[in-house]
Amino acid sequence: MLRGTGPSGALAEEARTLVRVERAVHRILGENSAPHVRAGKRSATSLTLTADTPAWASMARFRAPDVREALRSELPRLREVRVVIREMEYPAAPGPAAAQDTLSPFAASVLRSVARSLDNPRLARILIRLAARERPPAGSASASDS
């Protein structure tokens, strides 16, 4: 179905072409460009690249002649490489874990020890307040459980 001559086959072939084009673009811009620059709309004579920041857009515009040259065999009639800036959609990053909001008992004891040795009372209070984020030992009930 995806290798046939019908609409599905044509769509699959276009997707494969865009993947090859995008790989060529990333070889030219550098592998770290992959999350920032994507191949988008194309016609026989033009290709649009989408960049997620002005900096990556500038880099892509600067290297557009190299992109055009590199794609000569893949897209022989390509004359224009356009670059647009568009915020890319990525899966949301996971939020901070609850464990990151607490300190190990060892870390809390170090903070309290440092606070006791300080001559600066304000900084000592800050460290004591931070040490209060000590997580309860495993298996103990917290005050909210009672």
C-alpha atoms as a PDB file:
ATOM      1  CA  MET A   1       0.000   0.000   0.000  1.00  0.00           C
ATOM      2  CA  LEU A   2       2.785   2.483   0.935  1.00  0.00           C
ATOM      3  CA  ARG A   3       4.912   1.470  -2.060  1.00  0.00           C
ATOM      4  CA  GLY A   4       2.064   1.489  -4.584  1.00  0.00           C
ATOM      5  CA  THR A   5       1.141   4.120  -7.144  1.00  0.00           C
ATOM      6  CA  GLY A   6      -2.029   5.330  -5.435  1.00  0.00           C
ATOM      7  CA  PRO A   7      -2.448   8.305  -3.077  1.00  0.00           C
ATOM      8  CA  SER A   8      -0.991   6.428  -0.109  1.00  0.00           C
ATOM      9  CA  GLY A   9       2.082   5.432  -2.079  1.00  0.00           C
ATOM     10  CA  ALA A  10       2.631   9.001  -3.298  1.00  0.00           C
ATOM     11  CA  LEU A  11       2.247  10.364   0.220  1.00  0.00           C
ATOM     12  CA  ALA A  12       4.684   7.803   1.600  1.00  0.00           C
ATOM     13  CA  GLU A  13       7.212   8.631  -1.128  1.00  0.00           C
ATOM     14  CA  GLU A  14       6.912  12.369  -0.349  1.00  0.00           C
ATOM     15  CA  ALA A  15       7.512  11.634   3.348  1.00  0.00           C
ATOM     16  CA  ARG A  16      10.603   9.575   2.489  1.00  0.00           C
ATOM     17  CA  THR A  17      11.867  12.411   0.272  1.00  0.00           C
ATOM     18  CA  LEU A  18      11.395  14.950   3.074  1.00  0.00           C
ATOM     19  CA  VAL A  19      13.295  12.692   5.477  1.00  0.00           C
ATOM     20  CA  ARG A  20      16.206  12.473   3.018  1.00  0.00           C
ATOM     21  CA  VAL A  21      16.093  16.238   2.474  1.00  0.00           C
ATOM     22  CA  GLU A  22      16.046  16.905   6.208  1.00  0.00           C
ATOM     23  CA  ARG A  23      19.025  14.607   6.771  1.00  0.00           C
ATOM     24  CA  ALA A  24      20.979  16.462   4.100  1.00  0.00           C
ATOM     25  CA  VAL A  25      20.087  19.801   5.713  1.00  0.00           C
ATOM     26  CA  HIS A  26      21.283  18.545   9.106  1.00  0.00           C
ATOM     27  CA  ARG A  27      24.558  17.324   7.604  1.00  0.00           C
ATOM     28  CA  ILE A  28      25.156  20.845   6.303  1.00  0.00           C
ATOM     29  CA  LEU A  29      23.986  22.743   9.394  1.00  0.00           C
ATOM     30  CA  GLY A  30      25.481  20.260  11.859  1.00  0.00           C
ATOM     31  CA  GLU A  31      23.891  17.378  13.711  1.00  0.00           C
ATOM     32  CA  ASN A  32      22.900  19.629  16.628  1.00  0.00           C
ATOM     33  CA  SER A  33      20.536  21.406  14.208  1.00  0.00           C
ATOM     34  CA  ALA A  34      18.159  18.421  14.131  1.00  0.00           C
ATOM     35  CA  PRO A  35      15.886  19.602  16.972  1.00  0.00           C
ATOM     36  CA  HIS A  36      15.857  23.161  15.611  1.00  0.00           C
ATOM     37  CA  VAL A  37      15.458  23.005  11.825  1.00  0.00           C
ATOM     38  CA  ARG A  38      12.892  20.927   9.943  1.00  0.00           C
ATOM     39  CA  ALA A  39      12.140  20.433   6.282  1.00  0.00           C
ATOM     40  CA  GLY A  40       8.632  21.539   5.490  1.00  0.00           C
ATOM     41  CA  LYS A  41       6.617  22.417   2.444  1.00  0.00           C
ATOM     42  CA  ARG A  42       8.234  21.804  -0.904  1.00  0.00           C
ATOM     43  CA  SER A  43       7.455  22.085  -4.564  1.00  0.00           C
ATOM     44  CA  ALA A  44       9.491  21.164  -7.609  1.00  0.00           C
ATOM     45  CA  THR A  45      11.422  24.450  -7.414  1.00  0.00           C
ATOM     46  CA  SER A  46      11.275  25.490  -3.748  1.00  0.00           C
ATOM     47  CA  LEU A  47      11.827  24.127  -0.277  1.00  0.00           C
ATOM     48  CA  THR A  48      10.766  25.709   2.983  1.00  0.00           C
ATOM     49  CA  LEU A  49      12.777  25.046   6.118  1.00  0.00           C
ATOM     50  CA  THR A  50      11.269  25.786   9.505  1.00  0.00           C
ATOM     51  CA  ALA A  51      13.584  27.014  12.276  1.00  0.00           C
ATOM     52  CA  ASP A  52      12.586  27.375  15.922  1.00  0.00           C
ATOM     53  CA  THR A  53      14.700  30.469  16.687  1.00  0.00           C
ATOM     54  CA  PRO A  54      16.035  33.474  14.789  1.00  0.00           C
ATOM     55  CA  ALA A  55      19.581  32.191  15.320  1.00  0.00           C
ATOM     56  CA  TRP A  56      18.866  28.865  13.606  1.00  0.00           C
ATOM     57  CA  ALA A  57      16.937  30.669  10.873  1.00  0.00           C
ATOM     58  CA  SER A  58      19.967  32.881  10.200  1.00  0.00           C
ATOM     59  CA  MET A  59      22.243  29.860  10.036  1.00  0.00           C
ATOM     60  CA  ALA A  60      19.880  28.105   7.616  1.00  0.00           C
ATOM     61  CA  ARG A  61      19.604  31.210   5.416  1.00  0.00           C
ATOM     62  CA  PHE A  62      23.375  31.605   5.376  1.00  0.00           C
ATOM     63  CA  ARG A  63      23.844  27.975   4.347  1.00  0.00           C
ATOM     64  CA  ALA A  64      20.912  27.913   1.863  1.00  0.00           C
ATOM     65  CA  PRO A  65      23.241  27.849  -1.190  1.00  0.00           C
ATOM     66  CA  ASP A  66      25.010  24.806   0.296  1.00  0.00           C
ATOM     67  CA  VAL A  67      21.654  23.147   0.972  1.00  0.00           C
ATOM     68  CA  ARG A  68      20.561  23.790  -2.623  1.00  0.00           C
ATOM     69  CA  GLU A  69      23.813  22.316  -3.947  1.00  0.00           C
ATOM     70  CA  ALA A  70      23.629  19.257  -1.671  1.00  0.00           C
ATOM     71  CA  LEU A  71      20.064  18.536  -2.795  1.00  0.00           C
ATOM     72  CA  ARG A  72      20.798  18.860  -6.508  1.00  0.00           C
ATOM     73  CA  SER A  73      20.529  15.106  -7.125  1.00  0.00           C
ATOM     74  CA  GLU A  74      17.448  14.679  -4.891  1.00  0.00           C
ATOM     75  CA  LEU A  75      15.620  17.783  -6.137  1.00  0.00           C
ATOM     76  CA  PRO A  76      17.121  18.694  -9.528  1.00  0.00           C
ATOM     77  CA  ARG A  77      14.755  21.625 -10.200  1.00  0.00           C
ATOM     78  CA  LEU A  78      15.212  23.221  -6.747  1.00  0.00           C
ATOM     79  CA  ARG A  79      15.901  26.956  -7.152  1.00  0.00           C
ATOM     80  CA  GLU A  80      14.855  28.505  -3.844  1.00  0.00           C
ATOM     81  CA  VAL A  81      15.325  27.576  -0.188  1.00  0.00           C
ATOM     82  CA  ARG A  82      13.085  29.618   2.110  1.00  0.00           C
ATOM     83  CA  VAL A  83      13.439  29.737   5.865  1.00  0.00           C
ATOM     84  CA  VAL A  84      10.632  30.608   8.253  1.00  0.00           C
ATOM     85  CA  ILE A  85      10.675  30.895  12.014  1.00  0.00           C
ATOM     86  CA  ARG A  86       8.005  28.942  13.793  1.00  0.00           C
ATOM     87  CA  GLU A  87       7.880  27.646  17.319  1.00  0.00           C
ATOM     88  CA  MET A  88       8.244  23.883  17.079  1.00  0.00           C
ATOM     89  CA  GLU A  89       5.864  21.648  18.936  1.00  0.00           C
ATOM     90  CA  TYR A  90       7.583  19.175  21.200  1.00  0.00           C
ATOM     91  CA  PRO A  91       6.204  16.922  23.882  1.00  0.00           C
ATOM     92  CA  ALA A  92       5.997  18.770  27.172  1.00  0.00           C
ATOM     93  CA  ALA A  93       8.916  18.172  29.465  1.00  0.00           C
ATOM     94  CA  PRO A  94       7.983  16.334  32.622  1.00  0.00           C
ATOM     95  CA  GLY A  95       7.461  18.559  35.629  1.00  0.00           C
ATOM     96  CA  PRO A  96       9.795  18.471  38.594  1.00  0.00           C
ATOM     97  CA  ALA A  97       9.484  15.334  40.638  1.00  0.00           C
ATOM     98  CA  ALA A  98       8.401  15.658  44.245  1.00  0.00           C
ATOM     99  CA  ALA A  99      11.705  14.126  45.321  1.00  0.00           C
ATOM    100  CA  GLN A 100      13.496  17.136  43.846  1.00  0.00           C
ATOM    101  CA  ASP A 101      11.634  19.395  46.265  1.00  0.00           C
ATOM    102  CA  THR A 102      13.079  17.579  49.267  1.00  0.00           C
ATOM    103  CA  LEU A 103      16.576  17.022  50.613  1.00  0.00           C
ATOM    104  CA  SER A 104      18.169  13.827  51.767  1.00  0.00           C
ATOM    105  CA  PRO A 105      18.771  13.627  55.519  1.00  0.00           C
ATOM    106  CA  PHE A 106      22.521  13.871  54.862  1.00  0.00           C
ATOM    107  CA  ALA A 107      22.173  17.045  52.759  1.00  0.00           C
ATOM    108  CA  ALA A 108      19.937  18.631  55.394  1.00  0.00           C
ATOM    109  CA  SER A 109      22.421  17.817  58.169  1.00  0.00           C
ATOM    110  CA  VAL A 110      25.272  19.353  56.140  1.00  0.00           C
ATOM    111  CA  LEU A 111      23.229  22.545  55.653  1.00  0.00           C
ATOM    112  CA  ARG A 112      22.468  22.757  59.396  1.00  0.00           C
ATOM    113  CA  SER A 113      26.136  22.175  60.235  1.00  0.00           C
ATOM    114  CA  VAL A 114      27.262  24.902  57.844  1.00  0.00           C
ATOM    115  CA  ALA A 115      24.590  27.277  59.207  1.00  0.00           C
ATOM    116  CA  ARG A 116      25.912  26.769  62.777  1.00  0.00           C
ATOM    117  CA  SER A 117      29.434  27.652  61.670  1.00  0.00           C
ATOM    118  CA  LEU A 118      28.518  30.903  59.896  1.00  0.00           C
ATOM    119  CA  ASP A 119      29.071  34.418  61.214  1.00  0.00           C
ATOM    120  CA  ASN A 120      26.302  35.711  58.948  1.00  0.00           C
ATOM    121  CA  PRO A 121      22.966  35.211  60.774  1.00  0.00           C
ATOM    122  CA  ARG A 122      20.869  35.998  57.710  1.00  0.00           C
ATOM    123  CA  LEU A 123      22.599  33.354  55.600  1.00  0.00           C
ATOM    124  CA  ALA A 124      22.418  30.904  58.511  1.00  0.00           C
ATOM    125  CA  ARG A 125      18.601  31.389  58.702  1.00  0.00           C
ATOM    126  CA  ILE A 126      18.319  30.759  54.954  1.00  0.00           C
ATOM    127  CA  LEU A 127      20.285  27.520  55.222  1.00  0.00           C
ATOM    128  CA  ILE A 128      18.217  26.356  58.213  1.00  0.00           C
ATOM    129  CA  ARG A 129      15.025  27.105  56.255  1.00  0.00           C
ATOM    130  CA  LEU A 130      16.389  25.131  53.306  1.00  0.00           C
ATOM    131  CA  ALA A 131      17.373  22.222  55.581  1.00  0.00           C
ATOM    132  CA  ALA A 132      13.736  22.054  56.700  1.00  0.00           C
ATOM    133  CA  ARG A 133      13.012  20.495  53.291  1.00  0.00           C
ATOM    134  CA  GLU A 134      14.511  17.268  54.567  1.00  0.00           C
ATOM    135  CA  ARG A 135      12.397  14.341  53.463  1.00  0.00           C
ATOM    136  CA  PRO A 136      11.236  12.063  56.225  1.00  0.00           C
ATOM    137  CA  PRO A 137      13.060   8.754  56.556  1.00  0.00           C
ATOM    138  CA  ALA A 138      11.533   5.919  54.548  1.00  0.00           C
ATOM    139  CA  GLY A 139       8.704   4.192  56.347  1.00  0.00           C
ATOM    140  CA  SER A 140       7.894   7.043  58.736  1.00  0.00           C
ATOM    141  CA  ALA A 141       4.485   8.699  58.677  1.00  0.00           C
ATOM    142  CA  SER A 142       4.385  12.387  57.888  1.00  0.00           C
ATOM    143  CA  ALA A 143       2.369  14.903  59.877  1.00  0.00           C
ATOM    144  CA  SER A 144      -0.243  15.047  57.121  1.00  0.00           C
ATOM    145  CA  ASP A 145      -0.858  11.277  57.397  1.00  0.00           C
ATOM    146  CA  SER A 146      -2.071  11.495  61.023  1.00  0.00           C
END
